[in-house]
Amino acid sequence: MFGKDVTTEFVVDDGAGSGRVTVFQICWRACDPLAVSLALVSRPEHPALPQGNWVAPRDALRTGLDRPVGDGDVRICPDPNEDKIRLDLADGEKNTVVLLATAPLRRFLDRTERLVPTGQEHTEQELDTVLADLLQD
């Protein structure tokens, strides 16, 4: 189970012919099954374009498909008229809104569930590995 990652990317701004693209990356790792890493990056990198890194609970992303959820730096809200999910992402004084298509996000979450189902995030083997790592340090 360890070493299995599920990632996906969404193009959130194609740069309208500028040669730049803004991409929203989502990564989940089986070794940390409760968390999903979120990153907003520009390609090529450009300081004027939105960027940042956040972490959200996997179950919050799943809940956000159907109803508003979250507080703090990551808030998620469905937009049923557009079949999209709205993420409000805070980074200090800067706030960014990202709209993602619902179907690819649902497929991403389904792939993570096949590897580590909700409720089975902390198996005895995982806890033993964490304890062994802590005791070695």
N, C-alpha and C. Protein backbone atom coordinates (compact mmCIF):
# COMPACT_ATOMS: atom_id res chain seq x y z
N MET A 1 0.82 -1.18 0.00
CA MET A 1 0.00 0.00 0.00
C MET A 1 0.87 1.25 0.00
N PHE A 2 2.02 1.21 0.68
CA PHE A 2 2.85 2.40 0.74
C PHE A 2 3.46 2.69 -0.62
N GLY A 3 3.68 3.97 -0.89
CA GLY A 3 4.28 4.36 -2.16
C GLY A 3 3.25 4.59 -3.25
N LYS A 4 1.99 4.33 -2.97
CA LYS A 4 0.97 4.54 -3.99
C LYS A 4 0.46 5.96 -3.89
N ASP A 5 0.57 6.67 -4.99
CA ASP A 5 0.07 8.04 -5.07
C ASP A 5 -1.01 8.11 -6.13
N VAL A 6 -1.95 9.02 -5.91
CA VAL A 6 -2.97 9.32 -6.91
C VAL A 6 -2.87 10.82 -7.15
N THR A 7 -2.64 11.19 -8.39
CA THR A 7 -2.53 12.61 -8.72
C THR A 7 -3.40 12.93 -9.93
N THR A 8 -3.78 14.17 -10.01
CA THR A 8 -4.50 14.66 -11.18
C THR A 8 -4.24 16.15 -11.31
N GLU A 9 -4.43 16.66 -12.50
CA GLU A 9 -4.23 18.08 -12.76
C GLU A 9 -5.42 18.64 -13.51
N PHE A 10 -5.72 19.89 -13.20
CA PHE A 10 -6.77 20.63 -13.88
C PHE A 10 -6.15 21.88 -14.46
N VAL A 11 -6.38 22.17 -15.72
CA VAL A 11 -5.97 23.45 -16.28
C VAL A 11 -7.04 24.45 -15.88
N VAL A 12 -6.65 25.45 -15.09
CA VAL A 12 -7.63 26.43 -14.62
C VAL A 12 -7.56 27.74 -15.39
N ASP A 13 -6.47 27.92 -16.14
CA ASP A 13 -6.35 29.10 -17.02
C ASP A 13 -5.38 28.73 -18.11
N ASP A 14 -5.86 28.76 -19.35
CA ASP A 14 -5.00 28.36 -20.47
C ASP A 14 -4.11 29.49 -20.98
N GLY A 15 -4.15 30.63 -20.34
CA GLY A 15 -3.27 31.75 -20.69
C GLY A 15 -3.68 32.52 -21.92
N ALA A 16 -4.75 32.13 -22.57
CA ALA A 16 -5.29 32.84 -23.74
C ALA A 16 -4.20 33.22 -24.74
N GLY A 17 -3.41 32.23 -25.14
CA GLY A 17 -2.41 32.46 -26.18
C GLY A 17 -1.11 33.06 -25.68
N SER A 18 -0.94 33.22 -24.37
CA SER A 18 0.27 33.83 -23.84
C SER A 18 1.42 32.84 -23.73
N GLY A 19 1.13 31.56 -23.91
CA GLY A 19 2.15 30.54 -23.73
C GLY A 19 2.27 30.09 -22.29
N ARG A 20 1.47 30.66 -21.41
CA ARG A 20 1.48 30.28 -20.00
C ARG A 20 0.18 29.56 -19.66
N VAL A 21 0.29 28.62 -18.75
CA VAL A 21 -0.87 27.85 -18.31
C VAL A 21 -0.84 27.80 -16.78
N THR A 22 -2.00 27.98 -16.16
CA THR A 22 -2.11 27.81 -14.72
C THR A 22 -2.79 26.47 -14.46
N VAL A 23 -2.14 25.66 -13.63
CA VAL A 23 -2.57 24.29 -13.39
C VAL A 23 -2.83 24.10 -11.90
N PHE A 24 -3.91 23.39 -11.58
CA PHE A 24 -4.22 23.03 -10.20
C PHE A 24 -3.92 21.55 -10.06
N GLN A 25 -2.95 21.22 -9.22
CA GLN A 25 -2.53 19.84 -9.02
C GLN A 25 -3.10 19.32 -7.70
N ILE A 26 -3.57 18.08 -7.73
CA ILE A 26 -4.07 17.43 -6.52
C ILE A 26 -3.31 16.12 -6.37
N CYS A 27 -2.78 15.89 -5.16
CA CYS A 27 -2.03 14.67 -4.91
C CYS A 27 -2.45 14.05 -3.59
N TRP A 28 -2.68 12.75 -3.62
CA TRP A 28 -3.01 11.98 -2.43
C TRP A 28 -2.00 10.85 -2.33
N ARG A 29 -1.54 10.57 -1.12
CA ARG A 29 -0.57 9.50 -0.91
C ARG A 29 -1.13 8.49 0.09
N ALA A 30 -0.99 7.22 -0.24
CA ALA A 30 -1.49 6.16 0.63
C ALA A 30 -0.82 6.18 2.00
N CYS A 31 0.42 6.67 2.07
CA CYS A 31 1.11 6.73 3.36
C CYS A 31 0.57 7.84 4.26
N ASP A 32 -0.22 8.75 3.71
CA ASP A 32 -0.88 9.81 4.48
C ASP A 32 -2.31 9.94 3.95
N PRO A 33 -3.14 8.92 4.17
CA PRO A 33 -4.42 8.81 3.47
C PRO A 33 -5.49 9.83 3.84
N LEU A 34 -5.31 10.54 4.94
CA LEU A 34 -6.32 11.51 5.34
C LEU A 34 -6.18 12.84 4.64
N ALA A 35 -5.01 13.13 4.09
CA ALA A 35 -4.71 14.45 3.53
C ALA A 35 -4.59 14.42 2.01
N VAL A 36 -4.96 15.53 1.40
CA VAL A 36 -4.78 15.74 -0.03
C VAL A 36 -4.00 17.04 -0.20
N SER A 37 -2.91 16.98 -0.95
CA SER A 37 -2.11 18.17 -1.23
C SER A 37 -2.68 18.88 -2.45
N LEU A 38 -2.78 20.19 -2.36
CA LEU A 38 -3.31 21.03 -3.43
C LEU A 38 -2.24 22.03 -3.81
N ALA A 39 -1.98 22.18 -5.09
CA ALA A 39 -0.96 23.15 -5.53
C ALA A 39 -1.45 23.87 -6.77
N LEU A 40 -1.27 25.16 -6.77
CA LEU A 40 -1.59 26.00 -7.92
C LEU A 40 -0.26 26.48 -8.48
N VAL A 41 0.02 26.12 -9.72
CA VAL A 41 1.31 26.45 -10.34
C VAL A 41 1.09 27.03 -11.73
N SER A 42 2.04 27.82 -12.17
CA SER A 42 1.99 28.32 -13.54
C SER A 42 3.14 27.68 -14.32
N ARG A 43 2.90 27.44 -15.57
CA ARG A 43 3.90 26.85 -16.45
C ARG A 43 4.02 27.72 -17.70
N PRO A 44 5.17 28.27 -18.00
CA PRO A 44 6.32 28.33 -17.10
C PRO A 44 6.00 29.23 -15.91
N GLU A 45 6.82 29.08 -14.86
CA GLU A 45 6.58 29.85 -13.64
C GLU A 45 6.65 31.34 -13.92
N HIS A 46 5.71 32.07 -13.32
CA HIS A 46 5.66 33.52 -13.50
C HIS A 46 5.15 34.13 -12.20
N PRO A 47 5.86 35.09 -11.61
CA PRO A 47 5.48 35.63 -10.30
C PRO A 47 4.15 36.36 -10.26
N ALA A 48 3.64 36.81 -11.40
CA ALA A 48 2.38 37.55 -11.41
C ALA A 48 1.17 36.62 -11.45
N LEU A 49 1.39 35.35 -11.74
CA LEU A 49 0.28 34.41 -11.84
C LEU A 49 0.01 33.77 -10.48
N PRO A 50 -1.24 33.36 -10.24
CA PRO A 50 -1.58 32.77 -8.94
C PRO A 50 -0.77 31.50 -8.70
N GLN A 51 -0.37 31.32 -7.45
CA GLN A 51 0.33 30.10 -7.07
C GLN A 51 0.20 29.89 -5.57
N GLY A 52 0.41 28.68 -5.13
CA GLY A 52 0.35 28.38 -3.70
C GLY A 52 0.18 26.91 -3.45
N ASN A 53 0.31 26.54 -2.19
CA ASN A 53 0.17 25.15 -1.74
C ASN A 53 -0.74 25.11 -0.53
N TRP A 54 -1.61 24.11 -0.52
CA TRP A 54 -2.54 23.92 0.58
C TRP A 54 -2.69 22.43 0.85
N VAL A 55 -3.27 22.10 1.99
CA VAL A 55 -3.60 20.72 2.33
C VAL A 55 -5.04 20.71 2.80
N ALA A 56 -5.79 19.73 2.34
CA ALA A 56 -7.19 19.59 2.74
C ALA A 56 -7.45 18.14 3.13
N PRO A 57 -8.37 17.90 4.04
CA PRO A 57 -8.76 16.53 4.35
C PRO A 57 -9.45 15.89 3.14
N ARG A 58 -9.13 14.62 2.89
CA ARG A 58 -9.77 13.92 1.77
C ARG A 58 -11.28 13.91 1.93
N ASP A 59 -11.77 13.69 3.16
CA ASP A 59 -13.22 13.64 3.35
C ASP A 59 -13.88 14.99 3.11
N ALA A 60 -13.14 16.09 3.30
CA ALA A 60 -13.71 17.42 3.01
C ALA A 60 -13.90 17.59 1.51
N LEU A 61 -12.96 17.10 0.71
CA LEU A 61 -13.15 17.18 -0.74
C LEU A 61 -14.37 16.38 -1.17
N ARG A 62 -14.53 15.21 -0.57
CA ARG A 62 -15.69 14.37 -0.92
C ARG A 62 -16.99 15.06 -0.50
N THR A 63 -17.03 15.61 0.70
CA THR A 63 -18.22 16.32 1.19
C THR A 63 -18.51 17.54 0.32
N GLY A 64 -17.46 18.24 -0.10
CA GLY A 64 -17.61 19.44 -0.91
C GLY A 64 -18.24 19.20 -2.27
N LEU A 65 -18.30 17.95 -2.69
CA LEU A 65 -19.00 17.64 -3.94
C LEU A 65 -20.50 17.88 -3.81
N ASP A 66 -21.02 17.78 -2.57
CA ASP A 66 -22.46 17.86 -2.35
C ASP A 66 -22.93 19.06 -1.53
N ARG A 67 -22.05 19.57 -0.65
CA ARG A 67 -22.47 20.70 0.19
C ARG A 67 -21.23 21.49 0.62
N PRO A 68 -21.43 22.74 1.00
CA PRO A 68 -20.28 23.56 1.43
C PRO A 68 -19.60 22.97 2.67
N VAL A 69 -18.29 23.07 2.67
CA VAL A 69 -17.51 22.53 3.79
C VAL A 69 -16.19 23.28 3.87
N GLY A 70 -15.61 23.27 5.05
CA GLY A 70 -14.28 23.84 5.22
C GLY A 70 -14.29 25.18 5.91
N ASP A 71 -13.15 25.50 6.45
CA ASP A 71 -12.93 26.79 7.06
C ASP A 71 -11.43 27.06 6.98
N GLY A 72 -11.03 28.19 7.42
CA GLY A 72 -9.61 28.48 7.34
C GLY A 72 -9.15 28.71 5.92
N ASP A 73 -8.07 28.05 5.55
CA ASP A 73 -7.42 28.30 4.27
C ASP A 73 -8.10 27.63 3.08
N VAL A 74 -8.88 26.57 3.31
CA VAL A 74 -9.52 25.84 2.21
C VAL A 74 -11.01 25.71 2.50
N ARG A 75 -11.82 26.29 1.62
CA ARG A 75 -13.27 26.15 1.70
C ARG A 75 -13.75 25.61 0.35
N ILE A 76 -14.69 24.68 0.41
CA ILE A 76 -15.15 23.99 -0.79
C ILE A 76 -16.67 24.09 -0.87
N CYS A 77 -17.16 24.38 -2.07
CA CYS A 77 -18.60 24.55 -2.25
C CYS A 77 -18.99 24.06 -3.65
N PRO A 78 -20.02 23.23 -3.73
CA PRO A 78 -20.48 22.78 -5.05
C PRO A 78 -21.22 23.90 -5.78
N ASP A 79 -21.12 23.90 -7.09
CA ASP A 79 -21.88 24.81 -7.94
C ASP A 79 -22.68 23.94 -8.90
N PRO A 80 -23.87 23.47 -8.48
CA PRO A 80 -24.63 22.52 -9.28
C PRO A 80 -25.06 23.06 -10.64
N ASN A 81 -25.19 24.37 -10.77
CA ASN A 81 -25.58 24.93 -12.07
C ASN A 81 -24.48 24.75 -13.10
N GLU A 82 -23.25 24.71 -12.66
CA GLU A 82 -22.12 24.59 -13.58
C GLU A 82 -21.49 23.20 -13.54
N ASP A 83 -21.95 22.31 -12.65
CA ASP A 83 -21.34 21.00 -12.42
C ASP A 83 -19.85 21.17 -12.12
N LYS A 84 -19.58 22.14 -11.22
CA LYS A 84 -18.22 22.42 -10.81
C LYS A 84 -18.16 22.52 -9.29
N ILE A 85 -16.94 22.47 -8.80
CA ILE A 85 -16.65 22.66 -7.39
C ILE A 85 -15.83 23.94 -7.28
N ARG A 86 -16.21 24.78 -6.32
CA ARG A 86 -15.48 26.03 -6.09
C ARG A 86 -14.61 25.84 -4.86
N LEU A 87 -13.32 26.12 -5.01
CA LEU A 87 -12.40 26.11 -3.89
C LEU A 87 -11.96 27.53 -3.62
N ASP A 88 -12.19 27.99 -2.40
CA ASP A 88 -11.68 29.29 -1.96
C ASP A 88 -10.43 29.01 -1.14
N LEU A 89 -9.30 29.47 -1.65
CA LEU A 89 -8.00 29.16 -1.06
C LEU A 89 -7.36 30.44 -0.53
N ALA A 90 -7.04 30.44 0.75
CA ALA A 90 -6.42 31.60 1.38
C ALA A 90 -4.95 31.31 1.63
N ASP A 91 -4.14 32.33 1.40
CA ASP A 91 -2.70 32.23 1.64
C ASP A 91 -2.27 33.59 2.19
N GLY A 92 -2.36 33.72 3.51
CA GLY A 92 -2.08 35.01 4.12
C GLY A 92 -3.16 36.01 3.73
N GLU A 93 -2.74 37.11 3.15
CA GLU A 93 -3.68 38.16 2.71
C GLU A 93 -4.29 37.86 1.34
N LYS A 94 -3.70 36.90 0.63
CA LYS A 94 -4.12 36.60 -0.74
C LYS A 94 -5.16 35.48 -0.76
N ASN A 95 -6.24 35.71 -1.50
CA ASN A 95 -7.28 34.70 -1.69
C ASN A 95 -7.39 34.35 -3.16
N THR A 96 -7.52 33.06 -3.44
CA THR A 96 -7.64 32.58 -4.81
C THR A 96 -8.87 31.70 -4.91
N VAL A 97 -9.61 31.83 -5.98
CA VAL A 97 -10.77 30.98 -6.25
C VAL A 97 -10.42 30.09 -7.43
N VAL A 98 -10.66 28.80 -7.25
CA VAL A 98 -10.41 27.82 -8.31
C VAL A 98 -11.71 27.05 -8.54
N LEU A 99 -12.10 26.94 -9.80
CA LEU A 99 -13.28 26.14 -10.17
C LEU A 99 -12.81 24.87 -10.85
N LEU A 100 -13.28 23.73 -10.35
CA LEU A 100 -12.90 22.44 -10.91
C LEU A 100 -14.14 21.70 -11.38
N ALA A 101 -14.02 20.99 -12.48
CA ALA A 101 -15.11 20.14 -12.95
C ALA A 101 -15.34 19.02 -11.94
N THR A 102 -16.59 18.74 -11.65
CA THR A 102 -16.95 17.76 -10.63
C THR A 102 -16.53 16.34 -11.00
N ALA A 103 -16.79 15.92 -12.22
CA ALA A 103 -16.55 14.52 -12.60
C ALA A 103 -15.09 14.10 -12.43
N PRO A 104 -14.10 14.87 -12.92
CA PRO A 104 -12.71 14.43 -12.71
C PRO A 104 -12.31 14.41 -11.24
N LEU A 105 -12.84 15.34 -10.44
CA LEU A 105 -12.53 15.34 -9.02
C LEU A 105 -13.13 14.10 -8.35
N ARG A 106 -14.34 13.75 -8.73
CA ARG A 106 -14.99 12.54 -8.20
C ARG A 106 -14.19 11.29 -8.58
N ARG A 107 -13.70 11.22 -9.82
CA ARG A 107 -12.89 10.07 -10.25
C ARG A 107 -11.58 9.99 -9.44
N PHE A 108 -10.96 11.14 -9.20
CA PHE A 108 -9.75 11.19 -8.39
C PHE A 108 -10.03 10.61 -7.00
N LEU A 109 -11.10 11.07 -6.35
CA LEU A 109 -11.44 10.59 -5.02
C LEU A 109 -11.79 9.10 -5.03
N ASP A 110 -12.47 8.63 -6.06
CA ASP A 110 -12.80 7.22 -6.17
C ASP A 110 -11.53 6.37 -6.26
N ARG A 111 -10.52 6.85 -7.00
CA ARG A 111 -9.25 6.12 -7.10
C ARG A 111 -8.58 6.02 -5.74
N THR A 112 -8.63 7.09 -4.93
CA THR A 112 -8.02 7.03 -3.61
C THR A 112 -8.78 6.06 -2.72
N GLU A 113 -10.08 6.02 -2.85
CA GLU A 113 -10.92 5.13 -2.04
C GLU A 113 -10.63 3.66 -2.35
N ARG A 114 -10.31 3.36 -3.60
CA ARG A 114 -9.98 1.97 -3.95
C ARG A 114 -8.69 1.52 -3.26
N LEU A 115 -7.77 2.44 -3.04
CA LEU A 115 -6.50 2.10 -2.38
C LEU A 115 -6.64 2.06 -0.86
N VAL A 116 -7.29 3.07 -0.29
CA VAL A 116 -7.50 3.12 1.16
C VAL A 116 -8.93 3.64 1.39
N PRO A 117 -9.87 2.74 1.63
CA PRO A 117 -11.25 3.16 1.84
C PRO A 117 -11.40 4.03 3.09
N THR A 118 -12.37 4.92 3.05
CA THR A 118 -12.68 5.76 4.20
C THR A 118 -12.97 4.86 5.40
N GLY A 119 -12.40 5.21 6.53
CA GLY A 119 -12.56 4.42 7.74
C GLY A 119 -11.44 3.42 7.96
N GLN A 120 -10.63 3.18 6.92
CA GLN A 120 -9.52 2.23 7.04
C GLN A 120 -8.18 2.95 6.85
N GLU A 121 -8.16 4.24 7.14
CA GLU A 121 -6.95 5.02 6.90
C GLU A 121 -5.79 4.63 7.79
N HIS A 122 -6.06 4.12 8.97
CA HIS A 122 -4.97 3.76 9.88
C HIS A 122 -5.02 2.28 10.19
N THR A 123 -4.35 1.51 9.35
CA THR A 123 -4.29 0.08 9.62
C THR A 123 -3.22 -0.19 10.66
N GLU A 124 -3.26 -1.35 11.23
CA GLU A 124 -2.27 -1.74 12.24
C GLU A 124 -0.86 -1.70 11.65
N GLN A 125 -0.72 -2.12 10.39
CA GLN A 125 0.58 -2.11 9.73
C GLN A 125 1.12 -0.68 9.61
N GLU A 126 0.26 0.27 9.25
CA GLU A 126 0.69 1.66 9.13
C GLU A 126 1.13 2.21 10.48
N LEU A 127 0.37 1.91 11.53
CA LEU A 127 0.73 2.38 12.86
C LEU A 127 2.05 1.78 13.32
N ASP A 128 2.26 0.50 13.03
CA ASP A 128 3.53 -0.14 13.38
C ASP A 128 4.70 0.53 12.66
N THR A 129 4.51 0.87 11.40
CA THR A 129 5.56 1.53 10.62
C THR A 129 5.87 2.91 11.19
N VAL A 130 4.84 3.67 11.53
CA VAL A 130 5.05 4.99 12.12
C VAL A 130 5.78 4.89 13.46
N LEU A 131 5.35 3.95 14.29
CA LEU A 131 6.02 3.76 15.58
C LEU A 131 7.47 3.34 15.41
N ALA A 132 7.75 2.46 14.48
CA ALA A 132 9.13 2.03 14.23
C ALA A 132 9.98 3.21 13.77
N ASP A 133 9.43 4.05 12.91
CA ASP A 133 10.16 5.23 12.45
C ASP A 133 10.44 6.19 13.60
N LEU A 134 9.45 6.39 14.46
CA LEU A 134 9.63 7.29 15.60
C LEU A 134 10.68 6.75 16.57
N LEU A 135 10.67 5.45 16.80
CA LEU A 135 11.61 4.85 17.75
C LEU A 135 13.04 4.84 17.20
N GLN A 136 13.20 4.82 15.89
CA GLN A 136 14.55 4.86 15.30
C GLN A 136 15.18 6.22 15.47
N ASP A 137 14.37 7.27 15.47
CA ASP A 137 14.90 8.64 15.60
C ASP A 137 15.18 8.88 17.03
